[in-house]
N, C-alpha and C. Protein backbone atom coordinates (compact mmCIF):
# COMPACT_ATOMS: atom_id res chain seq x y z
N MET A 1 88.48 137.49 63.57
CA MET A 1 89.41 138.60 63.63
C MET A 1 88.75 139.76 62.90
N GLU A 2 88.87 140.96 63.45
CA GLU A 2 88.28 142.10 62.80
C GLU A 2 89.21 143.31 62.71
N ALA A 3 88.92 144.16 61.81
CA ALA A 3 89.46 145.49 61.80
C ALA A 3 88.44 146.36 61.74
N ILE A 4 88.46 147.29 62.82
CA ILE A 4 87.30 148.22 62.97
C ILE A 4 87.45 149.29 62.09
N LYS A 5 86.38 149.65 61.46
CA LYS A 5 86.28 150.91 60.49
C LYS A 5 86.43 152.13 61.31
N GLY A 6 87.12 153.21 60.72
CA GLY A 6 87.38 154.48 61.51
C GLY A 6 88.64 154.45 62.21
N LEU A 7 89.26 153.40 62.32
CA LEU A 7 90.64 153.27 62.88
C LEU A 7 91.66 153.39 61.73
N LYS A 8 92.82 153.65 61.97
CA LYS A 8 94.04 153.58 61.05
C LYS A 8 94.96 152.31 61.39
N TYR A 9 95.47 151.78 60.46
CA TYR A 9 96.34 150.63 60.70
C TYR A 9 97.73 150.77 59.99
N SER A 10 98.78 150.23 60.80
CA SER A 10 100.04 150.15 60.21
C SER A 10 100.30 148.72 59.65
N GLU A 11 101.32 148.65 58.88
CA GLU A 11 101.80 147.30 58.27
C GLU A 11 102.28 146.41 59.49
N ASN A 12 102.68 147.10 60.62
CA ASN A 12 103.31 146.34 61.59
C ASN A 12 102.22 146.00 62.67
N HIS A 13 100.99 146.07 62.32
CA HIS A 13 99.85 145.63 63.13
C HIS A 13 99.47 146.52 64.32
N GLU A 14 99.77 147.76 64.24
CA GLU A 14 99.37 148.76 65.30
C GLU A 14 98.23 149.33 64.74
N TRP A 15 97.16 149.77 65.58
CA TRP A 15 96.05 150.66 65.21
C TRP A 15 96.24 151.88 65.80
N VAL A 16 95.51 152.93 65.17
CA VAL A 16 95.37 154.34 65.77
C VAL A 16 94.09 154.73 65.77
N ARG A 17 93.59 155.19 66.91
CA ARG A 17 92.35 156.05 66.99
C ARG A 17 92.51 157.38 67.48
N VAL A 18 92.13 158.36 66.61
CA VAL A 18 92.37 159.78 67.06
C VAL A 18 91.33 160.28 67.83
N GLU A 19 91.63 160.75 69.03
CA GLU A 19 90.82 161.34 70.03
C GLU A 19 91.38 162.73 70.48
N ASN A 20 90.62 163.75 70.21
CA ASN A 20 91.03 165.10 70.62
C ASN A 20 92.40 165.52 70.07
N GLY A 21 92.68 165.00 68.87
CA GLY A 21 93.99 165.43 68.19
C GLY A 21 95.19 164.58 68.70
N ARG A 22 94.85 163.56 69.68
CA ARG A 22 95.82 162.55 70.06
C ARG A 22 95.65 161.21 69.42
N ALA A 23 96.71 160.46 69.30
CA ALA A 23 96.77 159.07 68.72
C ALA A 23 96.75 158.11 69.91
N VAL A 24 95.62 157.35 70.03
CA VAL A 24 95.49 156.28 70.91
C VAL A 24 95.93 154.94 70.08
N ILE A 25 96.91 154.35 70.59
CA ILE A 25 97.64 153.26 69.79
C ILE A 25 97.47 151.81 70.47
N GLY A 26 97.33 150.85 69.80
CA GLY A 26 97.13 149.52 70.32
C GLY A 26 97.59 148.52 69.29
N LEU A 27 97.47 147.28 69.67
CA LEU A 27 97.85 146.04 68.70
C LEU A 27 96.56 145.52 68.16
N THR A 28 96.60 145.28 66.96
CA THR A 28 95.37 144.62 66.26
C THR A 28 94.90 143.31 66.65
N ASP A 29 93.60 143.10 66.48
CA ASP A 29 93.03 141.85 66.82
C ASP A 29 93.76 140.73 66.04
N PHE A 30 93.99 140.91 64.75
CA PHE A 30 94.73 139.97 63.89
C PHE A 30 96.04 139.59 64.62
N ALA A 31 96.86 140.56 65.03
CA ALA A 31 98.17 140.34 65.58
C ALA A 31 98.16 139.46 66.94
N GLN A 32 97.12 140.02 67.78
CA GLN A 32 97.14 139.36 68.99
C GLN A 32 96.67 137.85 68.86
N GLU A 33 95.95 137.49 67.95
CA GLU A 33 95.51 136.10 67.59
C GLU A 33 96.72 135.36 67.10
N GLU A 34 97.51 135.97 66.24
CA GLU A 34 98.59 135.41 65.53
C GLU A 34 99.71 135.03 66.70
N PHE A 35 99.95 136.06 67.48
CA PHE A 35 101.02 136.00 68.56
C PHE A 35 100.74 134.99 69.61
N GLY A 36 99.35 134.91 69.91
CA GLY A 36 99.01 134.04 71.06
C GLY A 36 98.94 134.89 72.36
N ILE A 37 98.88 134.15 73.49
CA ILE A 37 98.65 134.78 74.81
C ILE A 37 99.81 135.69 75.01
N ILE A 38 99.57 136.94 75.28
CA ILE A 38 100.62 137.91 75.61
C ILE A 38 100.95 137.92 77.03
N VAL A 39 102.27 137.70 77.34
CA VAL A 39 102.63 137.56 78.80
C VAL A 39 103.49 138.76 79.36
N PHE A 40 103.94 139.56 78.40
CA PHE A 40 104.75 140.73 78.77
C PHE A 40 104.74 141.84 77.76
N VAL A 41 104.58 142.97 78.21
CA VAL A 41 104.60 144.24 77.28
C VAL A 41 105.64 145.09 77.78
N GLU A 42 106.63 145.77 77.08
CA GLU A 42 107.45 146.80 77.48
C GLU A 42 106.96 147.99 76.67
N LEU A 43 106.62 149.07 77.42
CA LEU A 43 106.08 150.33 76.73
C LEU A 43 107.07 151.47 77.08
N PRO A 44 106.95 152.55 76.30
CA PRO A 44 107.72 153.77 76.72
C PRO A 44 107.17 154.42 77.89
N GLU A 45 107.92 155.46 78.37
CA GLU A 45 107.54 156.20 79.55
C GLU A 45 106.81 157.42 79.09
N GLU A 46 105.91 157.99 79.92
CA GLU A 46 105.36 159.26 79.60
C GLU A 46 106.39 160.30 79.30
N GLY A 47 106.23 161.18 78.38
CA GLY A 47 107.21 162.05 78.04
C GLY A 47 108.18 161.57 77.02
N ASP A 48 108.33 160.30 76.66
CA ASP A 48 109.25 159.94 75.64
C ASP A 48 108.72 160.40 74.29
N VAL A 49 109.63 160.69 73.33
CA VAL A 49 109.31 161.10 72.06
C VAL A 49 109.48 160.03 71.01
N LEU A 50 108.41 159.79 70.22
CA LEU A 50 108.55 158.60 69.29
C LEU A 50 108.70 159.05 67.86
N GLN A 51 109.27 158.29 67.00
CA GLN A 51 109.36 158.68 65.55
C GLN A 51 108.66 157.56 64.86
N ALA A 52 107.80 157.98 63.91
CA ALA A 52 106.95 156.99 63.11
C ALA A 52 108.01 156.03 62.54
N GLY A 53 107.54 154.75 62.53
CA GLY A 53 108.36 153.63 61.90
C GLY A 53 109.47 153.10 62.81
N GLU A 54 109.67 153.79 63.86
CA GLU A 54 110.81 153.40 64.83
C GLU A 54 110.11 152.42 66.02
N PRO A 55 111.00 151.60 66.63
CA PRO A 55 110.36 150.80 67.67
C PRO A 55 110.02 151.71 68.90
N PHE A 56 108.95 151.31 69.61
CA PHE A 56 108.67 152.13 70.78
C PHE A 56 108.57 151.27 71.94
N GLY A 57 108.67 149.94 71.76
CA GLY A 57 108.62 148.98 72.83
C GLY A 57 108.68 147.49 72.34
N SER A 58 108.26 146.52 73.10
CA SER A 58 108.20 145.25 72.72
C SER A 58 107.23 144.38 73.50
N MET A 59 106.77 143.27 72.87
CA MET A 59 105.84 142.40 73.37
C MET A 59 106.26 140.89 73.36
N GLU A 60 105.91 140.31 74.41
CA GLU A 60 106.31 138.82 74.50
C GLU A 60 105.06 138.01 74.61
N SER A 61 104.93 136.99 73.76
CA SER A 61 103.84 136.12 73.88
C SER A 61 104.30 134.67 74.14
N VAL A 62 103.35 133.76 74.16
CA VAL A 62 103.74 132.30 74.30
C VAL A 62 104.52 131.80 73.08
N LYS A 63 104.45 132.61 71.94
CA LYS A 63 104.94 132.11 70.67
C LYS A 63 106.27 132.96 70.33
N THR A 64 106.20 134.10 70.65
CA THR A 64 107.41 134.98 70.06
C THR A 64 107.68 136.16 70.91
N VAL A 65 108.70 136.92 70.54
CA VAL A 65 108.90 138.34 71.03
C VAL A 65 109.03 139.12 69.92
N THR A 66 108.42 140.28 69.96
CA THR A 66 108.25 141.12 68.79
C THR A 66 108.45 142.68 69.21
N GLU A 67 108.95 143.44 68.41
CA GLU A 67 109.06 144.75 68.55
C GLU A 67 107.70 145.51 68.22
N LEU A 68 107.38 146.58 68.81
CA LEU A 68 106.23 147.42 68.51
C LEU A 68 106.78 148.64 67.80
N TYR A 69 106.10 149.11 66.67
CA TYR A 69 106.65 150.20 65.90
C TYR A 69 105.58 151.40 66.04
N ALA A 70 106.07 152.62 66.15
CA ALA A 70 105.25 153.70 66.31
C ALA A 70 104.65 154.07 64.93
N PRO A 71 103.30 154.15 64.88
CA PRO A 71 102.62 154.29 63.58
C PRO A 71 102.77 155.99 63.22
N VAL A 72 102.89 156.81 64.30
CA VAL A 72 102.89 158.18 64.21
C VAL A 72 104.08 158.86 65.15
N SER A 73 104.51 159.91 64.69
CA SER A 73 105.54 160.65 65.62
C SER A 73 104.88 161.43 66.64
N GLY A 74 105.62 161.69 67.84
CA GLY A 74 104.97 162.62 68.84
C GLY A 74 105.54 162.09 70.34
N LYS A 75 104.88 162.89 71.26
CA LYS A 75 105.19 162.64 72.63
C LYS A 75 104.23 161.78 73.33
N VAL A 76 104.75 160.71 74.08
CA VAL A 76 103.87 159.92 74.73
C VAL A 76 103.20 160.73 75.94
N VAL A 77 101.89 160.76 75.99
CA VAL A 77 101.15 161.54 77.09
C VAL A 77 100.55 160.48 78.05
N SER A 78 100.32 159.40 77.66
CA SER A 78 99.69 158.28 78.59
C SER A 78 100.11 156.92 78.16
N VAL A 79 100.35 156.04 79.21
CA VAL A 79 100.61 154.79 78.98
C VAL A 79 99.58 153.78 79.76
N ASN A 80 99.06 152.82 79.21
CA ASN A 80 98.03 151.98 79.86
C ASN A 80 98.66 151.26 81.09
N PRO A 81 98.19 151.73 82.18
CA PRO A 81 98.71 151.03 83.60
C PRO A 81 98.28 149.76 83.63
N LYS A 82 97.19 149.20 83.12
CA LYS A 82 96.68 147.82 83.19
C LYS A 82 97.77 146.94 82.67
N LEU A 83 98.37 147.12 81.65
CA LEU A 83 99.25 146.20 80.92
C LEU A 83 100.47 145.67 81.61
N ALA A 84 100.92 146.53 82.60
CA ALA A 84 102.07 146.15 83.27
C ALA A 84 101.74 144.82 84.27
N GLU A 85 100.55 144.82 84.79
CA GLU A 85 100.13 143.73 85.69
C GLU A 85 99.47 142.65 84.82
N ASN A 86 98.75 143.07 83.79
CA ASN A 86 97.88 142.11 83.06
C ASN A 86 98.04 142.26 81.53
N PRO A 87 99.10 141.96 80.91
CA PRO A 87 99.30 142.21 79.44
C PRO A 87 98.28 141.42 78.59
N GLY A 88 97.70 140.37 79.04
CA GLY A 88 96.70 139.61 78.50
C GLY A 88 95.37 140.37 78.10
N VAL A 89 95.25 141.47 78.72
CA VAL A 89 94.02 142.38 78.37
C VAL A 89 94.26 142.75 76.84
N ILE A 90 95.31 142.70 76.31
CA ILE A 90 95.37 142.92 74.89
C ILE A 90 94.70 141.89 74.09
N ASN A 91 94.74 140.58 74.55
CA ASN A 91 94.10 139.56 73.96
C ASN A 91 92.64 139.62 74.11
N LEU A 92 92.19 140.11 75.22
CA LEU A 92 90.77 139.99 75.61
C LEU A 92 90.05 141.23 74.90
N SER A 93 90.76 142.40 74.76
CA SER A 93 90.04 143.63 74.25
C SER A 93 91.15 144.51 73.59
N PRO A 94 91.58 144.04 72.42
CA PRO A 94 92.62 144.78 71.58
C PRO A 94 92.31 146.08 71.12
N TYR A 95 90.99 146.41 70.99
CA TYR A 95 90.61 147.70 70.63
C TYR A 95 90.03 148.62 71.69
N GLY A 96 89.91 148.00 72.84
CA GLY A 96 89.23 148.67 74.01
C GLY A 96 90.12 148.77 75.22
N GLN A 97 90.05 147.96 76.16
CA GLN A 97 90.95 147.96 77.46
C GLN A 97 92.30 147.75 77.08
N GLY A 98 92.65 147.08 75.96
CA GLY A 98 93.99 146.70 75.59
C GLY A 98 94.81 147.73 74.94
N TRP A 99 94.40 149.00 74.89
CA TRP A 99 95.23 150.08 74.30
C TRP A 99 96.57 150.21 74.98
N MET A 100 97.62 150.62 74.24
CA MET A 100 98.92 150.66 74.82
C MET A 100 99.31 152.06 75.19
N ILE A 101 99.31 153.00 74.26
CA ILE A 101 99.77 154.34 74.53
C ILE A 101 98.89 155.39 73.97
N VAL A 102 98.97 156.73 74.42
CA VAL A 102 98.53 157.79 73.83
C VAL A 102 99.60 158.77 73.40
N VAL A 103 99.54 159.26 72.37
CA VAL A 103 100.62 160.11 71.72
C VAL A 103 100.14 161.35 71.27
N GLU A 104 100.68 162.54 71.67
CA GLU A 104 100.38 163.88 71.19
C GLU A 104 101.21 163.94 69.81
N MET A 105 100.47 163.92 68.79
CA MET A 105 101.06 163.73 67.50
C MET A 105 101.87 165.12 67.09
N SER A 106 103.15 164.92 66.65
CA SER A 106 103.82 166.21 66.07
C SER A 106 103.56 166.53 64.70
N ASP A 107 103.06 165.37 63.97
CA ASP A 107 102.57 165.64 62.52
C ASP A 107 101.43 164.81 62.17
N PRO A 108 100.27 165.28 62.41
CA PRO A 108 99.02 164.58 62.07
C PRO A 108 98.90 164.04 60.59
N ALA A 109 99.78 164.54 59.65
CA ALA A 109 99.74 164.19 58.35
C ALA A 109 100.23 162.79 58.05
N GLU A 110 100.98 162.32 59.10
CA GLU A 110 101.47 160.99 59.08
C GLU A 110 100.23 159.98 58.99
N LEU A 111 99.27 160.42 59.60
CA LEU A 111 98.01 159.41 59.50
C LEU A 111 97.59 159.04 58.23
N ASP A 112 97.91 160.00 57.13
CA ASP A 112 97.60 159.60 55.86
C ASP A 112 98.28 158.50 55.20
N ARG A 113 99.51 158.14 55.77
CA ARG A 113 100.27 157.05 55.30
C ARG A 113 99.69 155.67 55.87
N LEU A 114 98.91 155.67 56.87
CA LEU A 114 98.42 154.50 57.40
C LEU A 114 97.26 153.94 56.61
N TRP A 115 96.77 152.70 56.89
CA TRP A 115 95.86 151.99 56.04
C TRP A 115 94.42 152.15 56.68
N GLU A 116 93.44 152.14 55.75
CA GLU A 116 92.06 152.06 56.28
C GLU A 116 91.84 150.56 56.73
N ALA A 117 90.69 150.32 57.41
CA ALA A 117 90.38 148.95 57.82
C ALA A 117 90.23 147.97 56.65
N ASP A 118 89.69 148.46 55.48
CA ASP A 118 89.48 147.56 54.42
C ASP A 118 90.75 147.06 53.73
N LYS A 119 91.77 147.91 53.75
CA LYS A 119 93.01 147.51 53.16
C LYS A 119 93.79 146.62 54.13
N TYR A 120 93.68 146.87 55.45
CA TYR A 120 94.29 145.99 56.36
C TYR A 120 93.79 144.59 56.41
N GLU A 121 92.31 144.51 56.35
CA GLU A 121 91.71 143.31 56.31
C GLU A 121 92.15 142.56 55.07
N GLN A 122 92.07 143.19 53.80
CA GLN A 122 92.43 142.44 52.60
C GLN A 122 93.97 141.99 52.56
N THR A 123 94.80 142.79 53.21
CA THR A 123 96.22 142.42 53.25
C THR A 123 96.52 141.25 54.18
N TYR A 124 95.96 141.30 55.40
CA TYR A 124 96.26 140.26 56.53
C TYR A 124 95.14 139.41 56.88
N VAL A 125 94.04 139.85 57.07
CA VAL A 125 93.03 139.05 57.61
C VAL A 125 92.47 137.99 56.57
N HIS A 126 92.43 138.36 55.28
CA HIS A 126 91.73 137.39 54.36
C HIS A 126 92.79 136.89 53.43
N GLU A 127 93.98 136.53 54.03
CA GLU A 127 94.99 135.90 53.25
C GLU A 127 94.61 134.40 52.79
């Protein structure tokens, strides 16, 4: 399990990579390993507005069903089309091909409340 430096992490196991002022959001490697094989993902539609800390979708794995929480607020500008047909991509490439959504952030300062990789690893990965 790894937490990649340069990304931001939420307590709810979502990661954020900032690209051109937008937040690319996905599920951490730790979370996908804990949840097991992901069999279904429900994501928002393009144009939906998210509030930081509020649910934006859900994920079903062979072990559990869990809500996904928005690490930042803003408008969804892209949803990963691969996940509708093959949600297991999250297991194979959580920080790459398994990204979930891209959000046009309404308040980039919310990134400051998220964790760096070191804190995420200390809290969850090295328990």
